[in-house]
Every structure is written in C-alpha cells, then in structure tokens.
Protein backbone atom coordinates (compact mmCIF):
# COMPACT_ATOMS: atom_id res chain seq x y z
CA MET A 1 -11.35 18.23 37.31
CA LEU A 2 -9.34 21.36 38.12
CA LEU A 3 -10.42 21.26 41.78
CA ALA A 4 -9.31 17.65 42.05
CA MET A 5 -5.92 18.49 40.57
CA ILE A 6 -5.41 21.40 42.98
CA THR A 7 -6.42 19.24 45.95
CA MET A 8 -3.98 16.53 44.91
CA ASP A 9 -1.16 19.07 44.56
CA ALA A 10 -1.76 20.36 48.08
CA THR A 11 -1.72 16.82 49.46
CA VAL A 12 1.61 16.06 47.82
CA ALA A 13 3.13 19.30 49.10
CA GLU A 14 2.11 18.52 52.69
CA GLU A 15 3.20 14.90 52.52
CA ALA A 16 6.70 15.28 51.13
CA PRO A 17 8.56 16.75 54.16
CA THR A 18 7.24 14.20 56.66
CA SER A 19 7.32 10.94 54.71
CA THR A 20 10.29 8.59 54.65
CA TRP A 21 11.33 7.41 51.21
CA THR A 22 11.86 3.65 51.29
CA HIS A 23 12.41 2.82 47.61
CA LYS A 24 16.18 2.55 47.25
CA HIS A 25 16.16 2.16 43.47
CA VAL A 26 13.59 4.89 42.71
CA HIS A 27 14.71 8.52 42.86
CA GLU A 28 12.44 10.94 44.71
CA PHE A 29 12.02 14.27 42.85
CA ALA A 30 9.75 16.50 44.91
CA THR A 31 11.10 19.76 43.49
CA ILE A 32 12.12 21.06 40.08
CA ALA A 33 15.59 21.79 41.48
CA GLN A 34 16.05 18.12 42.38
CA THR A 35 15.03 17.12 38.87
CA ARG A 36 17.43 19.60 37.25
CA ALA A 37 20.27 18.31 39.44
CA SER A 38 19.66 14.73 38.34
CA GLU A 39 20.74 13.03 35.11
CA MET A 40 17.19 12.46 33.90
CA GLU A 41 17.55 15.03 31.10
CA THR A 42 21.33 15.03 30.67
CA SER A 43 22.21 11.35 30.26
CA LYS A 44 21.47 9.05 27.32
CA LYS A 45 20.18 6.35 29.64
CA LEU A 46 16.52 5.34 29.79
CA TRP A 47 14.63 7.09 32.60
CA ILE A 48 11.08 6.15 33.62
CA ALA A 49 9.17 8.36 36.08
CA LEU A 50 5.91 7.86 37.95
CA TYR A 51 3.58 10.83 38.31
CA GLY A 52 1.23 9.73 41.08
CA ALA A 53 0.86 9.22 44.81
CA ARG A 54 3.98 8.65 46.92
CA ASP A 55 2.51 5.43 48.28
CA ASP A 56 1.40 3.99 44.93
CA PRO A 57 1.97 0.18 44.97
CA ILE A 58 3.66 0.37 41.56
CA LEU A 59 6.66 2.00 43.27
CA SER A 60 7.56 -1.34 44.85
CA VAL A 61 7.51 -2.92 41.39
CA LEU A 62 9.71 -0.15 39.97
CA ASP A 63 12.08 -0.57 42.91
CA GLN A 64 12.46 -4.30 42.21
CA VAL A 65 13.06 -3.80 38.49
CA GLY A 66 15.45 -0.93 39.23
CA ALA A 67 17.54 -3.25 41.40
CA GLU A 68 17.70 -5.93 38.69
CA LEU A 69 18.17 -3.69 35.65
CA SER A 70 20.08 -0.72 37.07
CA TYR A 71 22.46 -0.84 34.10
CA ALA A 72 19.57 -0.23 31.68
CA VAL A 73 17.10 2.08 33.41
CA SER A 74 16.72 4.60 36.22
CA PHE A 75 13.35 5.12 37.90
CA ALA A 76 11.96 8.22 39.57
CA TRP A 77 8.86 9.50 41.32
CA ILE A 78 7.91 13.09 40.46
CA SER A 79 5.66 15.44 42.39
CA ALA A 80 2.80 17.50 40.96
CA ASP A 81 5.09 20.56 40.81
CA VAL A 82 7.61 18.67 38.69
CA ALA A 83 4.81 17.24 36.55
CA GLN A 84 3.56 20.76 35.86
CA SER A 85 7.02 21.79 34.69
CA TYR A 86 6.73 19.07 32.03
CA GLY A 87 3.25 20.18 30.95
CA LEU A 88 1.37 17.30 32.57
CA GLN A 89 -1.32 19.44 34.17
CA ALA A 90 -4.07 17.85 32.09
CA ALA A 91 -2.91 14.30 32.82
CA THR A 92 -4.78 12.15 35.31
CA PRO A 93 -2.30 10.41 37.63
CA PRO A 94 -0.98 7.84 38.02
CA ILE A 95 0.89 7.66 34.71
CA LEU A 96 4.38 6.56 33.73
CA ILE A 97 6.48 8.85 31.54
CA LEU A 98 9.90 8.21 30.08
CA PHE A 99 12.94 9.90 28.57
CA ARG A 100 14.98 7.90 26.08
CA ASP A 101 16.21 10.23 23.34
CA GLU A 102 19.65 11.80 23.19
CA PRO A 103 19.92 15.01 25.26
CA LYS A 104 19.84 18.21 23.23
CA LEU A 105 21.09 21.65 24.19
CA ASN A 106 18.52 24.41 24.47
CA PRO A 107 20.73 27.35 23.41
CA TYR A 108 18.30 29.84 24.89
CA GLN A 109 18.00 28.39 28.40
CA LYS A 110 21.60 27.08 28.32
CA ARG A 111 20.65 23.63 29.56
CA MET A 112 20.12 20.14 28.20
CA TYR A 113 16.65 18.72 27.66
CA ARG A 114 15.00 15.51 26.45
CA THR A 115 11.58 14.83 24.93
CA LEU A 116 8.97 13.37 27.27
CA GLU A 117 7.07 10.27 26.14
CA LEU A 118 4.16 8.41 27.67
CA ALA A 119 5.35 5.01 28.90
CA HIS A 120 2.06 3.65 30.27
CA GLN A 121 -1.24 5.35 31.01
CA PHE A 122 -2.40 2.72 33.52
CA PRO A 123 0.70 1.68 35.53
CA SER A 124 -1.40 -0.03 38.21
CA ARG A 125 -1.97 -2.83 35.69
CA LEU A 126 1.76 -3.53 35.40
CA ASP A 127 3.62 -6.22 37.29
CA VAL A 128 7.37 -6.89 37.29
CA ARG A 129 7.19 -8.64 33.92
CA GLY A 130 5.18 -5.78 32.45
CA VAL A 131 7.65 -3.13 33.60
CA LYS A 132 10.57 -5.19 32.28
CA ARG A 133 8.79 -5.42 28.94
CA VAL A 134 8.49 -1.61 28.84
CA VAL A 135 12.21 -1.31 29.60
CA ARG A 136 13.16 -3.79 26.88
CA ASP A 137 10.93 -2.09 24.32
CA LYS A 138 11.98 1.48 25.13
CA ALA A 139 15.68 1.17 26.01
CA PRO A 140 17.84 3.24 23.64
CA SER A 141 20.55 1.53 21.64
CA ALA A 142 23.60 2.49 19.60
CA VAL A 143 24.23 -1.08 18.42
CA LEU A 144 24.76 -1.63 14.69
CA THR A 145 23.60 -4.96 13.29
CA SER A 146 25.48 -4.90 9.99
CA TRP A 147 29.18 -4.45 9.46
CA GLN A 148 30.20 -1.17 7.86
CA ASP A 149 33.20 -1.97 5.72
CA ASP A 150 33.63 1.51 4.32
CA ASP A 151 36.10 2.71 6.98
CA ILE A 152 39.41 1.46 5.60
CA ALA A 153 41.32 3.30 8.31
CA TRP A 154 40.01 0.88 10.95
CA GLY A 155 41.98 -1.91 9.33
CA VAL A 156 45.24 -0.16 10.21
CA SER A 157 46.86 -1.40 13.41
CA THR A 158 46.54 1.07 16.27
CA ASP A 159 47.94 0.94 19.80
CA ALA A 160 44.97 0.68 22.14
CA THR A 161 46.64 2.95 24.68
CA THR A 162 47.02 5.85 22.28
CA THR A 163 44.56 8.60 21.57
CA THR A 164 41.93 7.50 19.05
CA ASP A 165 40.23 9.73 16.50
CA SER A 166 36.56 10.17 17.42
CA THR A 167 35.63 9.41 13.80
CA ASN A 168 37.47 6.08 14.01
CA PRO A 169 36.65 4.67 17.47
CA PRO A 170 37.48 1.19 18.78
CA ARG A 171 34.94 -1.46 17.80
CA VAL A 172 33.11 -3.85 20.09
CA ILE A 173 31.92 -6.87 18.11
CA LEU A 174 29.46 -9.46 19.41
CA VAL A 175 29.01 -12.53 17.22
CA THR A 176 25.76 -14.16 18.28
CA LYS A 177 22.97 -16.54 17.30
CA LYS A 178 20.32 -14.04 18.40
CA SER A 179 18.50 -11.94 15.83
CA SER A 180 18.61 -8.80 17.99
CA PRO A 181 20.99 -7.52 20.68
CA SER A 182 20.16 -8.11 24.34
CA LEU A 183 19.09 -5.36 26.72
CA LEU A 184 22.48 -5.64 28.44
CA TYR A 185 24.42 -5.15 25.21
CA LYS A 186 22.23 -2.22 24.13
CA SER A 187 22.75 -0.58 27.51
CA LEU A 188 26.53 -0.92 27.25
CA SER A 189 26.43 0.83 23.87
CA ILE A 190 24.82 3.81 25.61
CA GLU A 191 27.15 3.67 28.62
CA PHE A 192 30.29 3.63 26.43
CA PRO A 193 29.57 6.19 23.67
CA SER A 194 33.24 6.39 22.63
CA LEU A 195 33.15 2.75 21.50
CA ARG A 196 31.26 1.55 18.43
CA PHE A 197 29.12 -1.52 19.11
CA TYR A 198 28.16 -4.25 16.62
CA ALA A 199 25.94 -7.31 17.04
CA LEU A 200 26.52 -9.62 14.08
CA ALA A 201 24.53 -12.75 13.33
CA GLU A 202 26.55 -15.93 13.14
CA SER A 203 27.57 -16.92 9.61
CA PRO A 204 30.61 -18.61 8.04
CA ALA A 205 31.77 -15.27 6.65
CA VAL A 206 31.53 -13.51 10.02
CA LEU A 207 33.26 -16.36 11.88
CA ASP A 208 36.07 -16.28 9.33
CA GLN A 209 36.37 -12.49 9.29
CA PHE A 210 36.87 -12.24 13.06
CA HIS A 211 38.59 -15.61 13.56
CA VAL A 212 36.13 -16.98 16.11
CA SER A 213 35.02 -20.60 16.35
CA SER A 214 32.11 -20.42 18.78
CA VAL A 215 29.23 -18.14 19.67
CA PRO A 216 28.58 -15.97 21.49
CA SER A 217 32.00 -14.33 21.09
CA LEU A 218 32.85 -10.78 22.11
CA LEU A 219 35.83 -8.85 20.75
CA VAL A 220 37.08 -5.31 21.19
CA GLY A 221 39.94 -3.39 19.66
CA PRO A 222 41.17 -0.33 17.79
CA SER A 223 41.80 -2.23 14.54
CA SER A 224 41.05 -5.55 12.87
CA SER A 225 44.56 -6.75 13.64
CA SER A 226 44.41 -5.76 17.33
CA LEU A 227 41.25 -7.41 18.62
CA THR A 228 40.98 -8.77 22.16
CA LEU A 229 38.66 -11.72 22.74
CA PHE A 230 36.53 -11.97 25.89
CA GLN A 231 37.66 -15.21 27.49
CA GLU A 232 36.54 -17.38 30.39
CA SER A 233 39.15 -15.74 32.60
CA ASP A 234 37.44 -12.37 32.01
CA GLY A 235 34.29 -13.60 33.74
CA ASP A 236 30.70 -14.11 32.63
CA ILE A 237 29.75 -12.67 29.24
CA THR A 238 26.23 -12.03 30.58
CA ASN A 239 27.42 -10.15 33.70
CA VAL A 240 27.41 -6.37 33.41
CA HIS A 241 30.28 -5.86 35.87
CA ASP A 242 32.55 -8.32 34.06
CA LEU A 243 31.76 -6.69 30.73
CA ARG A 244 32.49 -3.21 32.08
CA ARG A 245 35.88 -4.36 33.38
CA PHE A 246 36.62 -5.88 29.98
CA LEU A 247 35.65 -2.78 27.98
CA LEU A 248 37.01 -0.01 30.20
CA PRO A 249 40.71 -0.37 29.21
CA HIS A 250 39.72 0.13 25.56
CA VAL A 251 37.99 3.48 26.06
CA PRO A 252 40.09 6.17 24.29
CA LYS A 253 42.00 8.39 26.68
CA ASN A 254 40.56 11.52 25.12
CA ALA A 255 36.97 10.30 25.44
CA ASP A 256 34.83 12.77 27.37
CA PRO A 257 31.10 12.24 26.81
CA ALA A 258 30.19 15.55 28.41
CA SER A 259 32.51 17.62 26.27
CA THR A 260 31.49 15.70 23.15
CA ALA A 261 27.84 16.44 23.76
CA ALA A 262 28.58 20.09 24.40
CA SER A 263 30.65 20.50 21.27
CA SER A 264 28.03 18.83 19.08
CA SER A 265 25.47 21.38 20.25
CA SER A 266 27.83 24.33 19.98
CA LEU A 267 26.61 27.66 18.63
CA TRP A 268 29.72 27.88 16.41
CA LEU A 269 29.90 25.61 13.38
CA SER A 270 32.26 25.20 10.47
CA ARG A 271 30.83 25.86 7.02
CA ASP A 272 30.85 22.12 6.26
CA GLU A 273 29.03 21.35 9.52
CA LEU A 274 26.42 23.98 8.71
CA ASP A 275 25.86 22.58 5.21
CA VAL A 276 25.26 19.09 6.62
CA ALA A 277 22.95 20.40 9.36
CA VAL A 278 20.87 22.42 6.89
CA ARG A 279 20.49 19.48 4.51
CA ASN A 280 19.31 17.19 7.32
CA THR A 281 16.40 19.33 8.51
CA SER A 282 13.50 21.30 7.07
CA ALA A 283 13.90 24.00 9.73
CA ALA A 284 14.59 27.61 8.87
CA TRP A 285 18.01 28.97 9.81
CA LEU A 286 19.33 32.28 11.11
CA VAL A 287 23.08 32.26 10.47
CA VAL A 288 25.78 34.78 11.27
CA ILE A 289 29.04 34.30 9.35
CA GLN A 290 32.02 36.06 10.89
CA SER A 291 35.36 35.48 12.56
CA LYS A 292 35.06 33.75 15.91
CA SER A 293 38.19 35.44 17.24
CA SER A 294 37.03 38.94 16.25
CA PRO A 295 33.26 38.98 15.58
CA ASN A 296 32.46 42.01 13.44
CA VAL A 297 28.82 41.31 12.54
CA VAL A 298 27.05 40.28 15.77
CA ASP A 299 28.66 39.90 19.18
CA PRO A 300 27.34 36.58 20.61
CA SER A 301 27.62 38.06 24.11
CA SER A 302 25.60 41.19 23.24
CA ASP A 303 22.12 42.06 24.47
CA GLU A 304 20.97 42.25 20.84
CA TRP A 305 21.83 38.59 20.30
CA ALA A 306 20.34 37.48 23.63
CA HIS A 307 17.08 39.39 23.07
CA THR A 308 16.69 38.11 19.51
CA ILE A 309 17.23 34.50 20.57
CA ALA A 310 14.84 34.86 23.51
CA ASP A 311 12.16 36.27 21.19
CA LEU A 312 12.59 33.36 18.77
CA GLU A 313 12.30 30.84 21.58
CA ARG A 314 9.13 32.47 22.90
CA LYS A 315 7.44 32.50 19.49
CA VAL A 316 8.59 29.36 17.65
CA GLY A 317 10.79 27.31 20.00
CA VAL A 318 14.13 25.73 19.11
CA ASP A 319 13.08 23.29 16.38
CA LEU A 320 11.48 25.33 13.59
CA ILE A 321 14.13 28.05 13.42
CA ARG A 322 17.72 27.06 14.18
CA VAL A 323 20.49 29.53 14.93
CA ALA A 324 24.21 29.24 14.31
CA MET A 325 27.38 31.23 13.91
CA VAL A 326 29.91 30.14 11.30
CA ASP A 327 33.58 30.81 11.89
CA ILE A 328 35.28 32.16 8.77
CA PRO A 329 38.56 34.13 9.10
CA SER A 330 38.39 37.89 8.75
CA SER A 331 39.69 37.82 5.20
CA PRO A 332 37.77 38.16 2.97
CA SER A 333 35.28 40.13 5.06
CA SER A 334 32.89 40.27 2.08
CA SER A 335 31.79 36.76 3.00
CA HIS A 336 30.64 37.93 6.43
CA GLY A 337 27.08 38.91 7.26
CA ILE A 338 23.66 37.73 8.41
CA PHE A 339 22.15 34.91 6.35
CA THR A 340 18.90 32.98 6.37
CA VAL A 341 17.64 29.65 5.05
CA PRO A 342 13.85 29.56 4.58
CA TYR A 343 11.72 26.84 6.13
CA GLY A 344 11.30 23.80 3.90
CA PRO A 345 13.45 21.92 1.40
CA SER A 346 15.70 24.86 0.44
CA VAL A 347 19.36 24.54 1.44
CA SER A 348 20.69 27.82 0.01
CA LEU A 349 21.87 30.68 2.20
CA GLU A 350 20.30 34.06 1.45
CA LYS A 351 22.31 37.08 2.57
CA ALA A 352 20.44 39.90 4.28
CA PRO A 353 21.13 43.52 3.27
CA SER A 354 24.15 44.94 5.07
CA ALA A 355 21.97 47.60 6.71
CA ALA A 356 19.52 45.04 8.13
CA SER A 357 19.47 44.49 11.88
CA LEU A 358 19.61 41.05 13.47
CA SER A 359 16.17 41.47 15.04
CA GLY A 360 14.72 42.67 11.74
CA VAL A 361 16.07 39.66 9.85
CA ALA A 362 14.76 37.34 12.57
CA LYS A 363 11.27 38.88 12.33
CA GLN A 364 11.23 38.42 8.55
CA LEU A 365 12.31 34.80 8.96
CA VAL A 366 9.53 34.16 11.48
CA ALA A 367 6.99 35.83 9.19
CA SER A 368 8.07 33.57 6.32
CA LEU A 369 6.97 30.39 8.12
CA PRO A 370 4.06 28.78 6.25
CA ASP A 371 0.61 29.02 7.82
CA ALA A 372 -0.90 25.53 8.11
CA THR A 373 -3.73 26.60 10.44
CA ALA A 374 -7.43 26.70 9.54
CA ALA A 375 -9.13 30.11 9.70
CA LEU A 376 -12.62 29.71 11.23
CA TYR A 377 -15.14 32.55 10.99
CA GLY A 378 -18.45 30.98 11.96
CA PRO A 379 -20.36 27.86 13.05
CA SER A 380 -20.19 26.23 9.60
CA ASP A 381 -16.39 26.61 9.50
CA ILE A 382 -16.10 25.20 13.02
CA GLN A 383 -18.34 22.23 12.19
CA ALA A 384 -16.31 21.40 9.08
CA PHE A 385 -13.07 21.75 11.04
CA PHE A 386 -14.07 19.22 13.70
CA GLY A 387 -15.48 16.98 10.98
CA ARG A 388 -11.92 16.49 9.71
CA MET A 389 -10.89 15.17 13.11
CA ILE A 390 -13.84 12.75 13.19
CA THR A 391 -12.91 11.30 9.81
CA THR A 392 -9.15 11.18 10.47
CA PRO A 393 -8.15 8.49 13.00
CA ASN A 394 -5.58 9.20 15.69
CA THR A 395 -5.80 12.98 15.56
CA ILE A 396 -6.91 15.72 17.93
CA SER A 397 -7.85 19.37 17.41
CA PHE A 398 -6.38 22.49 18.96
CA VAL A 399 -8.29 25.76 18.70
CA LEU A 400 -7.44 29.36 19.54
CA PHE A 401 -10.41 31.67 20.11
CA THR A 402 -9.35 35.28 19.58
CA ALA A 403 -10.72 38.79 19.07
CA LYS A 404 -7.73 39.76 16.92
CA GLN A 405 -7.46 39.76 13.14
CA ASP A 406 -4.32 37.68 12.58
CA THR A 407 -3.08 34.23 13.52
CA PRO A 408 -0.26 34.43 16.09
CA VAL A 409 3.08 33.09 14.91
CA MET A 410 3.17 30.78 17.93
CA VAL A 411 0.00 29.01 16.74
CA GLN A 412 1.39 28.70 13.21
CA ALA A 413 4.52 27.12 14.70
CA LEU A 414 2.41 24.59 16.63
CA ALA A 415 0.66 23.54 13.42
CA LEU A 416 4.04 22.88 11.79
CA SER A 417 5.24 20.93 14.84
CA PHE A 418 2.29 18.47 14.79
CA PRO A 419 1.54 18.10 11.05
CA SER A 420 -0.09 14.67 11.21
CA GLN A 421 -1.43 14.53 14.77
CA VAL A 422 -3.10 17.87 15.51
CA HIS A 423 -5.61 19.90 13.48
CA VAL A 424 -4.92 23.53 14.43
CA GLY A 425 -7.62 26.16 13.93
CA VAL A 426 -8.19 29.79 14.86
CA VAL A 427 -11.72 31.05 15.55
CA PHE A 428 -11.79 34.79 14.87
CA HIS A 429 -14.36 36.90 16.78
CA PRO A 430 -16.50 34.01 18.08
CA ASP A 431 -20.18 34.89 18.53
CA ASP A 432 -22.07 34.49 21.79
CA GLN A 433 -23.47 31.09 20.79
CA THR A 434 -19.98 29.74 20.11
CA LYS A 435 -18.67 31.15 23.39
CA GLN A 436 -21.53 29.49 25.27
CA GLN A 437 -21.02 26.19 23.44
CA PHE A 438 -17.36 26.04 24.47
CA GLY A 439 -17.80 27.60 27.91
CA LEU A 440 -15.71 30.68 27.10
CA THR A 441 -15.83 33.60 29.53
CA LYS A 442 -12.99 35.65 28.06
CA LEU A 443 -10.67 35.84 25.08
CA PRO A 444 -8.18 34.70 24.03
CA ALA A 445 -8.70 31.06 24.97
CA MET A 446 -7.00 27.86 23.81
CA VAL A 447 -8.52 24.41 23.99
CA ALA A 448 -7.59 20.90 22.89
CA VAL A 449 -10.55 18.85 21.64
CA MET A 450 -10.43 15.05 21.53
CA SER A 451 -12.67 12.31 20.16
CA PRO A 452 -13.33 9.40 22.54
CA ARG A 453 -10.87 6.51 22.40
CA ASP A 454 -13.58 3.98 23.28
CA PRO A 455 -14.90 2.66 19.93
CA SER A 456 -18.34 2.09 21.48
CA VAL A 457 -18.74 5.85 22.05
CA PRO A 458 -19.71 8.01 19.04
CA ARG A 459 -16.69 9.96 17.79
CA ASP A 460 -18.63 13.24 17.78
CA GLN A 461 -18.92 13.16 21.58
CA PHE A 462 -15.89 15.35 22.19
CA SER A 463 -13.97 15.99 25.38
CA MET A 464 -12.02 19.19 25.96
CA THR A 465 -9.11 20.43 28.03
CA PHE A 466 -8.28 24.12 28.27
CA TYR A 467 -4.86 25.70 28.44
CA ASP A 468 -4.76 27.42 31.84
CA LYS A 469 -1.90 29.90 32.09
CA LYS A 470 -2.24 30.05 35.88
CA LEU A 471 -1.21 26.41 36.02
CA MET A 472 0.93 26.10 32.91
CA GLY A 473 2.57 29.49 32.66
CA PRO A 474 2.34 32.19 29.98
CA PRO A 475 1.31 30.93 26.54
CA THR A 476 4.77 30.76 25.02
CA TYR A 477 5.55 28.23 22.31
CA ALA A 478 7.46 26.00 24.75
CA ASN A 479 4.64 25.93 27.32
CA VAL A 480 1.83 25.30 24.83
CA ARG A 481 3.98 22.73 23.02
CA ARG A 482 4.39 20.79 26.29
CA PHE A 483 0.63 20.99 26.84
CA LEU A 484 -0.07 19.57 23.37
CA ASP A 485 2.65 16.93 23.73
CA GLN A 486 0.88 15.58 26.79
CA VAL A 487 -2.54 15.54 25.12
CA VAL A 488 -1.13 13.81 22.04
CA GLN A 489 0.58 11.20 24.21
CA ALA A 490 -2.68 10.52 26.03
CA TYR A 491 -5.11 10.46 23.10
CA VAL A 492 -3.21 9.66 19.90
CA VAL A 493 -2.55 5.92 19.77
CA PRO A 494 0.72 5.01 18.01
CA THR A 495 0.14 2.77 15.03
CA ASN A 496 2.27 1.07 12.43
CA GLU A 497 -0.49 1.37 9.84
CA PRO A 498 0.17 3.88 7.04
CA ALA A 499 -1.66 7.16 7.36
CA LYS A 500 -4.88 7.47 5.40
CA ASN A 501 -3.54 10.43 3.44
CA ALA A 502 0.02 9.15 3.19
CA GLY A 503 -0.25 9.05 -0.58
CA LYS A 504 -0.94 12.79 -0.64
CA GLN A 505 2.26 13.71 1.17
CA LYS A 506 5.00 15.27 -0.92
CA PRO A 507 8.24 13.34 -1.21
CA VAL A 508 11.26 14.77 0.57
CA VAL A 509 14.51 15.08 -1.38
CA HIS A 510 17.75 14.87 0.63
CA PRO A 511 20.92 15.86 -1.27
CA VAL A 512 23.73 13.67 0.11
CA THR A 513 27.43 13.70 -0.63
CA SER A 514 28.78 11.12 1.81
CA GLN A 515 27.99 7.72 3.34
CA ALA A 516 27.29 9.35 6.73
CA GLU A 517 24.72 11.73 5.24
CA PHE A 518 23.03 8.88 3.33
CA THR A 519 22.76 6.77 6.51
CA HIS A 520 21.15 9.70 8.32
CA ALA A 521 18.73 10.56 5.51
CA CYS A 522 17.62 7.06 4.50
CA THR A 523 16.14 5.17 7.44
CA SER A 524 13.74 2.86 5.57
CA LEU A 525 12.92 2.44 1.86
CA CYS A 526 14.46 5.16 -0.29
CA VAL A 527 14.58 6.00 -3.99
CA VAL A 528 18.10 7.05 -4.96
CA GLY A 529 19.01 9.19 -7.95
CA PHE A 530 22.58 9.81 -9.11
CA THR A 531 23.61 13.10 -10.69
CA ASN A 532 26.80 14.56 -12.09
CA GLY A 533 28.17 17.61 -10.35
CA PRO A 534 26.59 19.63 -7.55
C-alpha cells in the first residue's frame, strides 16, 4: 500500500511540468503554495477538489458542471503533495473532497482554514447529474426561511445609499411557492454576506405584509418602507447576472467581507463578546484581561505569548482550548490578570495567582482536560477495547502503543475531539506477542483500526492504517487530527438514526440572555427553563 502511494506521488511529480491543463473550469493545484494562494480555504463558497490522476475522466464532468454552476461551486484538482498537506495519505485515490464551512482564523499559523469533508469516495461513478446533486446537497446557505420580526429598527426608513449598521443589514426577500430556496438563491446569500436573505413561502399574510400580488417576487431594501421590487425590466429572476446587478446597489458602502471576517476572529474581545463566546462552547479558555493600548499583563507581541500559543497548538489544537485578550481600560488595574475557564459546562472565569506565569497557567489548563481514553495493559484489555468498536456501529478505534507511563495530552485531546466516532486507547508497555500481532517494530506507534464496511464480512476482521510521520509530519495534534479526520470520513458512514447510547448522554445547558444567543444554542428540539435574575 505504501509502495503504491509513493509510486503514484512520483508519477504526479514528473507529469505536472509537462502536461497541458485543458479543464478551464477546474483549478489545477500542483503545489501547496498554489493552494494557499487560492480562495479554497478563505472564501465561504463551496469548493470541491479531486485527489486523483490528472487525466481522470471525472475532470471533464467537473469542468462541465463548473461552467454551468460557477456561481455556486469552484472545482479543483490537487496533487499528492497537496493531499498530504490535508492528511489524505491513507486515502486511496480517486476521491472527491469538499470545503463548505465558514473560514476560521488559526491564530497560531495566522491564516484562515476550513474543515475538509469527504464528498464522494467513488467519483468515477458520478455523471453530470450526480455531481450536480452533490453540489445542491452540499452548497452552503445563509438563507432564512422564517421572518424574524424581533428587529423593530428595520421598520424605520433608511436611505439605501447611507452606511448601514452591520447588525441591521438590508433584507432580500423572496416570496415563493417552493418549500426550499434554490441553489442560485442560496449561492447569492453566500456571495453577498452584508445582505440578509429570506425565502418565504407564499401565504396571504406574507403577500399582504410585503404588498406583492404574484410569486415568485423578489424585494430588497434597508427598511420595510423602502423596498425595491425586482421587475421585468431588471431581467430574468432566474439569471445570476441579472440578480447580481439588481442586488449590488443595495450593498452597504461600509461592507467589507474580508475585514468583517478578520474582526470576528480577532484576538481582542470585549467582555460581552467573551461572555457570549464562552457560553457557546465547551472549550477551555486562556484569557488575558488588560488594556489594549498599554498591555501590562502579557505583551501579545512577546516571545512568551508566541511560545505559549505554539505549545498549545502543538498539544491540543485550536478547538479545545481557546485564547483571547479582553480590552479593559487601565483603571481599575485590579481587574487585570490571567484567567482561565475550565473545559466543560462552566462559564466562570477563574483568576490565576498574580505570581503565576502565562506558560505555567497554560500547562495547568492543559492538564485539567478530562481523560476520555482507555488505558490498556494487556491482551484482555485490548480485546475488550476492540469489542466496543464491534458492538458500536459507525465507529473506529485509534490506539497509541507506548513504553511510557502516562497518556500524552495530545491523545487525550483527540479523544475529546471525536467523542462519538473514535474509541481512543493507549497500550502501555505492549508485550512481544502484541507487537507481533500488530506488526510493531518500534515504539511509540499509532494506528487506526477499522471494522469492514461490507456487511457480508465479519466485523472482527479488522483493517489497519498506521500514522507514518515520514509522510504525515511530526505527531502534533493538528497532523494526527487530520489523519483521523480522513479515516473517519472514509469509514464512518453518516446516519440520521439516533446513536445507540444517545440516552446515556448528559444534557447540555446553555444559559442565554438574548434572541441571538437562543438561536445559536437551540438548533432543533430544546427544553427551555425561565429563571429570575442571573
């Protein structure tokens, strides 16, 4: 398997400089630098990439769909080098991957990133209709399908040419007979993030509210009294170019998607922003409260800060422990200091002793992460561990074999990152029989173990894939996380069925104090309790 992968990589490397790229609507990313220079990880648009041969017939299909649906999706071909940078070393090409989530800032590497997903494991089976179906199913959307009447300020007349508050953007309202928005309309909601898009089902109340007599009808404006109706003279309501021309004059003058994204991922937060962020995640937090204009606790440009952040990224990544600085004026200085929020449901800030160092506080916070791994000391432990995977559908196992006494923090972090998909175990001091059984020649070693997906094959006939640091880089959290992401995408089948042990999961309580927080916290069926006071 490894020999085949290395041979394929060499073939791609030799082929790239001499081949002519003929697919106009498919980007060619032969190097990591080309990928970084693209918008694949910085835009909110759907991107679908092929990891496979440069002459794969599916490229012609992607090219055709890319020409027809350029407003909704961008396609790319990636080389083996680029695939390795995304942790796809264990994948068997050809496969289709995609990026559809909102870009996030990695504060350690100072660049934007998006989460990779598996689009299709067997792209050769797809035709034009099949690829279009993937695009329709996976395209991101910011369209709201119910009218939010809680923003009274939107009812006040506003000049469309003036600057608009980002919390009160112009609305785009589509009144339609369809039960769900079209791919075109969803794509426009991503392309114009400074406008708020609605797709409302036709009803007497909706027709009366927006004073329309036929459907579909499209309106845009800064207030309910200043709506502009898309008319026949504006063009075709199903044509993307006509719709862009119609919407563009209504984009607020101060709208700058790039600066908005940067500010939302800023290191500096207000106290209110921090409180909301802490309530909306179970991550631990390392927080420095000081004056932004004259930092007297930790200099954000110092080596101490940079080294501490780099160490956190290496051990636990950017999701389990968040970092922030909170700007509070220099008076009173007693409110300044280094604070932590433990991992889990707690939302209270705990102040570190004034004599504590930043690195010391960070180490204590890392050490406080719960250990959800299984400690395995012999064959009976190992057999019971893999038995849990056999009896739990849609899960894989990940095992560290080590000669040390303690579980590395990085492995603990991986267990917290895949709570329902990956059983994480640590085999301490494996004996010779265990080493021979798993083909181990040296320690430490990490391996993902999977049950067969074919129901006709007994589930105890495992397959394995090892983490190879020569191919995948040093075993940092980010690198091993990418490795596990790829294995999960390939072997864990998404399902809408409730998990077998769903009833054993503890309920999560989200304290909310505003409509925005409630909308973020409650995404399905929620039980709501009302209390007096904080």
